[in-house]
Amino acid sequence: MCNITSLAQPLFGVIVPSPNPGQNVGKILQQQEELAQRGQELYESCIRSKIEVGNDGKIVAIDIELGEFEVDETVMGATDWLFKT
């Protein structure tokens, strides 16, 4: 299920907190890869066809739990809403 809230081109990355002392860095990296893969899957299956035309150079931030996304000219603009929920 995808909730479409905006349009853009993909920029795949994962925002995660820094590891705490004693955390398994390998496991954190694996989790980051899984999150990026989920974002890629959502983009390809639900978002790309809606935003491909007319949005070259823009950035899309995807909430992988809700399938919602936002688009902006900057990373900060695209991701700002993620931290307000």
N, C-alpha and C. Protein backbone atom coordinates (compact mmCIF):
# COMPACT_ATOMS: atom_id res chain seq x y z
N MET A 1 0.84 -1.17 0.00
CA MET A 1 0.00 0.00 0.00
C MET A 1 0.89 1.24 0.00
N CYS A 2 0.53 2.21 -0.81
CA CYS A 2 1.29 3.45 -0.89
C CYS A 2 0.37 4.63 -0.69
N ASN A 3 0.78 5.53 0.15
CA ASN A 3 0.08 6.80 0.31
C ASN A 3 0.90 7.86 -0.39
N ILE A 4 0.38 8.43 -1.45
CA ILE A 4 1.13 9.37 -2.26
C ILE A 4 0.85 10.79 -1.78
N THR A 5 1.91 11.48 -1.36
CA THR A 5 1.74 12.85 -0.88
C THR A 5 2.50 13.88 -1.70
N SER A 6 3.41 13.43 -2.57
CA SER A 6 4.18 14.39 -3.34
C SER A 6 4.95 13.69 -4.46
N LEU A 7 5.74 14.46 -5.23
CA LEU A 7 6.45 13.93 -6.39
C LEU A 7 7.93 14.26 -6.37
N ALA A 8 8.79 13.37 -6.96
CA ALA A 8 10.23 13.68 -7.08
C ALA A 8 11.03 12.56 -7.71
N GLN A 9 12.33 12.80 -7.86
CA GLN A 9 13.30 11.80 -8.28
C GLN A 9 13.88 11.14 -7.03
N PRO A 10 14.34 9.89 -7.12
CA PRO A 10 14.83 9.21 -5.91
C PRO A 10 16.22 9.63 -5.49
N LEU A 11 16.42 9.69 -4.21
CA LEU A 11 17.74 9.81 -3.60
C LEU A 11 17.71 8.80 -2.46
N PHE A 12 18.44 7.71 -2.58
CA PHE A 12 18.33 6.66 -1.59
C PHE A 12 19.43 6.79 -0.57
N GLY A 13 19.02 6.82 0.66
CA GLY A 13 19.90 6.88 1.80
C GLY A 13 19.08 6.55 3.02
N VAL A 14 19.75 6.32 4.09
CA VAL A 14 19.05 5.96 5.32
C VAL A 14 19.55 6.86 6.43
N ILE A 15 18.61 7.45 7.17
CA ILE A 15 18.96 8.28 8.31
C ILE A 15 18.76 7.44 9.55
N VAL A 16 19.85 7.18 10.26
CA VAL A 16 19.77 6.39 11.49
C VAL A 16 20.65 7.04 12.54
N PRO A 17 20.35 6.81 13.82
CA PRO A 17 21.19 7.36 14.87
C PRO A 17 22.56 6.71 14.89
N SER A 18 23.52 7.41 15.45
CA SER A 18 24.86 6.84 15.62
C SER A 18 24.81 5.66 16.58
N PRO A 19 25.63 4.65 16.33
CA PRO A 19 25.61 3.50 17.23
C PRO A 19 26.11 3.87 18.62
N ASN A 20 25.52 3.25 19.62
CA ASN A 20 25.98 3.41 20.99
C ASN A 20 27.15 2.48 21.22
N PRO A 21 28.00 2.81 22.20
CA PRO A 21 29.11 1.89 22.50
C PRO A 21 28.56 0.49 22.80
N GLY A 22 29.18 -0.51 22.23
CA GLY A 22 28.76 -1.88 22.45
C GLY A 22 27.76 -2.41 21.44
N GLN A 23 27.20 -1.53 20.59
CA GLN A 23 26.27 -2.00 19.57
C GLN A 23 27.04 -2.70 18.46
N ASN A 24 26.42 -3.67 17.86
CA ASN A 24 27.03 -4.42 16.77
C ASN A 24 26.93 -3.60 15.49
N VAL A 25 28.05 -3.04 15.06
CA VAL A 25 28.07 -2.17 13.88
C VAL A 25 27.69 -2.95 12.63
N GLY A 26 28.09 -4.21 12.53
CA GLY A 26 27.72 -5.03 11.37
C GLY A 26 26.22 -5.18 11.26
N LYS A 27 25.55 -5.39 12.37
CA LYS A 27 24.10 -5.53 12.37
C LYS A 27 23.44 -4.20 11.97
N ILE A 28 23.98 -3.09 12.44
CA ILE A 28 23.45 -1.77 12.09
C ILE A 28 23.57 -1.55 10.58
N LEU A 29 24.71 -1.91 10.01
CA LEU A 29 24.91 -1.76 8.57
C LEU A 29 23.94 -2.63 7.79
N GLN A 30 23.68 -3.84 8.27
CA GLN A 30 22.72 -4.73 7.62
C GLN A 30 21.32 -4.13 7.67
N GLN A 31 20.95 -3.57 8.82
CA GLN A 31 19.64 -2.93 8.96
C GLN A 31 19.52 -1.74 8.02
N GLN A 32 20.58 -0.95 7.87
CA GLN A 32 20.56 0.18 6.96
C GLN A 32 20.34 -0.29 5.53
N GLU A 33 21.00 -1.37 5.14
CA GLU A 33 20.85 -1.92 3.80
C GLU A 33 19.41 -2.39 3.58
N GLU A 34 18.83 -3.03 4.58
CA GLU A 34 17.44 -3.49 4.47
C GLU A 34 16.48 -2.31 4.34
N LEU A 35 16.71 -1.24 5.06
CA LEU A 35 15.87 -0.04 4.97
C LEU A 35 15.98 0.60 3.59
N ALA A 36 17.21 0.70 3.09
CA ALA A 36 17.42 1.28 1.75
C ALA A 36 16.75 0.41 0.68
N GLN A 37 16.82 -0.90 0.83
CA GLN A 37 16.18 -1.81 -0.11
C GLN A 37 14.67 -1.63 -0.09
N ARG A 38 14.09 -1.48 1.09
CA ARG A 38 12.63 -1.27 1.20
C ARG A 38 12.24 0.05 0.53
N GLY A 39 13.04 1.09 0.72
CA GLY A 39 12.77 2.36 0.06
C GLY A 39 12.83 2.23 -1.46
N GLN A 40 13.80 1.49 -1.96
CA GLN A 40 13.93 1.25 -3.39
C GLN A 40 12.70 0.52 -3.92
N GLU A 41 12.26 -0.51 -3.18
CA GLU A 41 11.08 -1.28 -3.60
C GLU A 41 9.83 -0.40 -3.64
N LEU A 42 9.64 0.43 -2.62
CA LEU A 42 8.48 1.34 -2.61
C LEU A 42 8.55 2.31 -3.77
N TYR A 43 9.74 2.85 -4.02
CA TYR A 43 9.90 3.79 -5.12
C TYR A 43 9.53 3.14 -6.45
N GLU A 44 10.08 1.97 -6.71
CA GLU A 44 9.85 1.29 -7.98
C GLU A 44 8.39 0.85 -8.14
N SER A 45 7.76 0.37 -7.07
CA SER A 45 6.42 -0.21 -7.19
C SER A 45 5.29 0.81 -7.05
N CYS A 46 5.50 1.90 -6.33
CA CYS A 46 4.39 2.80 -6.01
C CYS A 46 4.61 4.27 -6.39
N ILE A 47 5.84 4.69 -6.41
CA ILE A 47 6.11 6.14 -6.50
C ILE A 47 6.60 6.56 -7.88
N ARG A 48 7.52 5.81 -8.44
CA ARG A 48 8.19 6.21 -9.68
C ARG A 48 7.23 6.60 -10.80
N SER A 49 6.23 5.79 -11.05
CA SER A 49 5.32 6.07 -12.16
C SER A 49 4.52 7.35 -11.95
N LYS A 50 4.37 7.75 -10.72
CA LYS A 50 3.61 8.97 -10.40
C LYS A 50 4.44 10.24 -10.53
N ILE A 51 5.77 10.10 -10.45
CA ILE A 51 6.60 11.29 -10.33
C ILE A 51 7.66 11.44 -11.42
N GLU A 52 7.78 10.47 -12.28
CA GLU A 52 8.87 10.44 -13.24
C GLU A 52 8.92 11.68 -14.13
N VAL A 53 7.79 12.15 -14.59
CA VAL A 53 7.76 13.26 -15.54
C VAL A 53 7.76 14.61 -14.82
N GLY A 54 8.69 15.48 -15.20
CA GLY A 54 8.68 16.85 -14.71
C GLY A 54 9.32 17.08 -13.36
N ASN A 55 10.02 16.11 -12.83
CA ASN A 55 10.62 16.28 -11.51
C ASN A 55 12.11 15.97 -11.49
N ASP A 56 12.79 16.15 -12.62
CA ASP A 56 14.22 15.89 -12.69
C ASP A 56 14.97 16.75 -11.67
N GLY A 57 15.92 16.14 -10.99
CA GLY A 57 16.77 16.86 -10.06
C GLY A 57 16.19 17.06 -8.68
N LYS A 58 14.96 16.65 -8.45
CA LYS A 58 14.36 16.81 -7.14
C LYS A 58 14.66 15.58 -6.28
N ILE A 59 14.41 15.73 -4.99
CA ILE A 59 14.71 14.68 -4.02
C ILE A 59 13.42 14.19 -3.40
N VAL A 60 13.32 12.88 -3.23
CA VAL A 60 12.15 12.29 -2.57
C VAL A 60 12.61 11.61 -1.29
N ALA A 61 11.90 11.88 -0.20
CA ALA A 61 12.12 11.19 1.07
C ALA A 61 10.92 10.27 1.28
N ILE A 62 11.18 9.02 1.60
CA ILE A 62 10.12 8.02 1.71
C ILE A 62 10.04 7.51 3.15
N ASP A 63 8.84 7.54 3.70
CA ASP A 63 8.58 6.89 4.99
C ASP A 63 8.28 5.44 4.67
N ILE A 64 9.22 4.54 4.94
CA ILE A 64 9.07 3.15 4.52
C ILE A 64 8.03 2.39 5.34
N GLU A 65 7.64 2.90 6.47
CA GLU A 65 6.60 2.24 7.25
C GLU A 65 5.21 2.58 6.73
N LEU A 66 5.01 3.82 6.31
CA LEU A 66 3.70 4.28 5.86
C LEU A 66 3.55 4.33 4.34
N GLY A 67 4.68 4.34 3.63
CA GLY A 67 4.63 4.46 2.18
C GLY A 67 4.41 5.88 1.71
N GLU A 68 4.43 6.83 2.62
CA GLU A 68 4.27 8.24 2.26
C GLU A 68 5.61 8.81 1.84
N PHE A 69 5.56 9.86 1.05
CA PHE A 69 6.81 10.50 0.63
C PHE A 69 6.61 11.98 0.43
N GLU A 70 7.73 12.69 0.40
CA GLU A 70 7.73 14.14 0.21
C GLU A 70 8.83 14.47 -0.78
N VAL A 71 8.65 15.54 -1.51
CA VAL A 71 9.59 15.97 -2.54
C VAL A 71 10.00 17.40 -2.29
N ASP A 72 11.26 17.69 -2.57
CA ASP A 72 11.74 19.07 -2.44
C ASP A 72 13.01 19.21 -3.26
N GLU A 73 13.44 20.45 -3.37
CA GLU A 73 14.69 20.75 -4.08
C GLU A 73 15.91 20.37 -3.25
N THR A 74 15.74 20.29 -1.90
CA THR A 74 16.87 19.99 -1.01
C THR A 74 16.57 18.79 -0.14
N VAL A 75 17.61 18.17 0.38
CA VAL A 75 17.45 17.04 1.29
C VAL A 75 16.70 17.49 2.54
N MET A 76 17.07 18.64 3.09
CA MET A 76 16.41 19.14 4.30
C MET A 76 14.92 19.37 4.05
N GLY A 77 14.59 19.96 2.95
CA GLY A 77 13.19 20.21 2.64
C GLY A 77 12.38 18.94 2.47
N ALA A 78 13.00 17.93 1.86
CA ALA A 78 12.30 16.66 1.62
C ALA A 78 12.15 15.85 2.90
N THR A 79 13.10 15.96 3.80
CA THR A 79 13.09 15.11 5.00
C THR A 79 12.53 15.80 6.24
N ASP A 80 12.35 17.09 6.22
CA ASP A 80 11.89 17.83 7.39
C ASP A 80 10.62 17.25 7.99
N TRP A 81 9.66 16.90 7.16
CA TRP A 81 8.37 16.36 7.63
C TRP A 81 8.52 15.04 8.37
N LEU A 82 9.56 14.27 8.07
CA LEU A 82 9.76 13.00 8.74
C LEU A 82 9.98 13.17 10.24
N PHE A 83 10.58 14.29 10.62
CA PHE A 83 10.92 14.52 12.02
C PHE A 83 9.81 15.23 12.78
N LYS A 84 8.75 15.63 12.10
CA LYS A 84 7.64 16.33 12.74
C LYS A 84 6.50 15.42 13.12
N THR A 85 6.56 14.15 12.71
CA THR A 85 5.47 13.23 13.01
C THR A 85 5.75 12.44 14.27
